[in-house]
Structures are given as C-alpha cells and as structure tokens.
Amino acid sequence: MSPGYYQEIPAFLRSEGPYTVYNHHKVKGEEFHENHKLTKSNAKKRVQDQLEHLRMEKEIQKKQFQDQIASEEETFKI
C-alpha cells in the first residue's frame, strides 16, 4: 500500500488496522470488568433505594389522606 493511504486514515484507526475496535478488557484486564460490574450494581441499588423511598412516601401520603377523609366524615355526621 502506498504511504498516502495511511495519511488519509485517522490515527486511531491506524493503530492496529482500520477495523480494530478498542476493547477496555484487553487493555485494563479483569480490573475494568470488576469495576464495571461494581458500578452497575451500585447504580442499581441506588435506584432501588430511591424507588423504595418514593413508595414509602406515597404510602404515608395515602394514609394521611384516608385519615383526613375519615375525620371529616366523623366531624360532619348528623
């Protein structure tokens, strides 16, 4: 191939050929994979905690609303 061919291709594609895809696992090894799994599990736990907090908050609001209706019914009974 001519040297001009390589000048037209971006440097990141020339590193190991035009079709090579960068793989963190090859470069970082098992450390990347473990960190990635840990990050995903931490994010999932945060979302689940937030959902549980919202559920509890909605249940509290629901109970307050029902109690308020019950007290108004007792107040205005004839």
Protein backbone atom coordinates (compact mmCIF):
# COMPACT_ATOMS: atom_id res chain seq x y z
CA MET A 1 0.00 0.00 0.00
CA SER A 2 1.10 3.49 -0.65
CA PRO A 3 2.07 5.86 2.19
CA GLY A 4 -0.67 8.26 1.04
CA TYR A 5 -3.28 5.67 2.02
CA TYR A 6 -2.20 5.83 5.64
CA GLN A 7 -2.27 9.63 5.71
CA GLU A 8 -5.96 9.71 4.85
CA ILE A 9 -6.97 7.34 7.67
CA PRO A 10 -7.35 8.82 11.16
CA ALA A 11 -4.62 7.90 13.65
CA PHE A 12 -6.93 5.95 15.95
CA LEU A 13 -7.77 3.58 13.09
CA ARG A 14 -4.13 3.18 12.03
CA SER A 15 -3.04 1.87 15.43
CA GLU A 16 -3.83 -1.80 14.74
CA GLY A 17 -5.55 -1.63 11.39
CA PRO A 18 -8.63 0.14 10.08
CA TYR A 19 -11.12 -2.34 11.57
CA THR A 20 -9.77 -2.78 15.08
CA VAL A 21 -12.18 -1.93 17.87
CA TYR A 22 -10.80 -0.67 21.16
CA ASN A 23 -11.54 -3.07 23.98
CA HIS A 24 -11.15 -1.92 27.59
CA HIS A 25 -10.96 -5.53 28.74
CA LYS A 26 -7.82 -6.17 26.67
CA VAL A 27 -6.12 -3.01 27.94
CA LYS A 28 -7.29 -2.85 31.56
CA GLY A 29 -7.82 -6.55 32.11
CA GLU A 30 -10.07 -8.00 34.78
CA GLU A 31 -9.89 -4.80 36.84
CA PHE A 32 -12.08 -2.95 34.33
CA HIS A 33 -14.63 -5.74 34.25
CA GLU A 34 -14.89 -5.92 38.05
CA ASN A 35 -15.12 -2.12 38.38
CA HIS A 36 -17.80 -2.02 35.69
CA LYS A 37 -19.86 -4.69 37.45
CA LEU A 38 -19.45 -2.91 40.79
CA THR A 39 -20.51 0.42 39.30
CA LYS A 40 -23.59 -1.13 37.70
CA SER A 41 -24.61 -2.88 40.92
CA ASN A 42 -24.16 0.33 42.94
CA ALA A 43 -26.29 2.27 40.45
CA LYS A 44 -28.99 -0.40 40.56
CA LYS A 45 -29.00 -0.31 44.38
CA ARG A 46 -29.32 3.50 44.37
CA VAL A 47 -32.30 3.33 42.01
CA GLN A 48 -33.98 0.64 44.10
CA ASP A 49 -33.42 2.69 47.28
CA GLN A 50 -34.92 5.76 45.63
CA LEU A 51 -37.95 3.78 44.45
CA GLU A 52 -38.47 2.32 47.90
CA HIS A 53 -38.26 5.81 49.42
CA LEU A 54 -40.88 7.06 46.94
CA ARG A 55 -43.15 4.09 47.71
CA MET A 56 -42.94 4.76 51.43
CA GLU A 57 -43.60 8.46 50.90
CA LYS A 58 -46.68 7.70 48.76
CA GLU A 59 -47.98 5.25 51.36
CA ILE A 60 -47.63 7.91 54.07
CA GLN A 61 -49.48 10.44 51.91
CA LYS A 62 -52.19 7.88 51.16
CA LYS A 63 -52.67 7.10 54.85
CA GLN A 64 -52.84 10.81 55.73
CA PHE A 65 -55.44 11.36 53.02
CA GLN A 66 -57.55 8.43 54.22
CA ASP A 67 -57.30 9.58 57.84
CA GLN A 68 -58.27 13.09 56.84
CA ILE A 69 -61.35 11.83 54.97
CA ALA A 70 -62.33 9.64 57.94
CA SER A 71 -62.00 12.53 60.40
CA GLU A 72 -64.09 14.81 58.15
CA GLU A 73 -66.78 12.15 57.87
CA GLU A 74 -66.91 11.88 61.68
CA THR A 75 -66.97 15.66 62.08
CA PHE A 76 -69.86 16.24 59.69
CA LYS A 77 -72.06 13.29 60.71
CA ILE A 78 -75.54 14.28 61.69
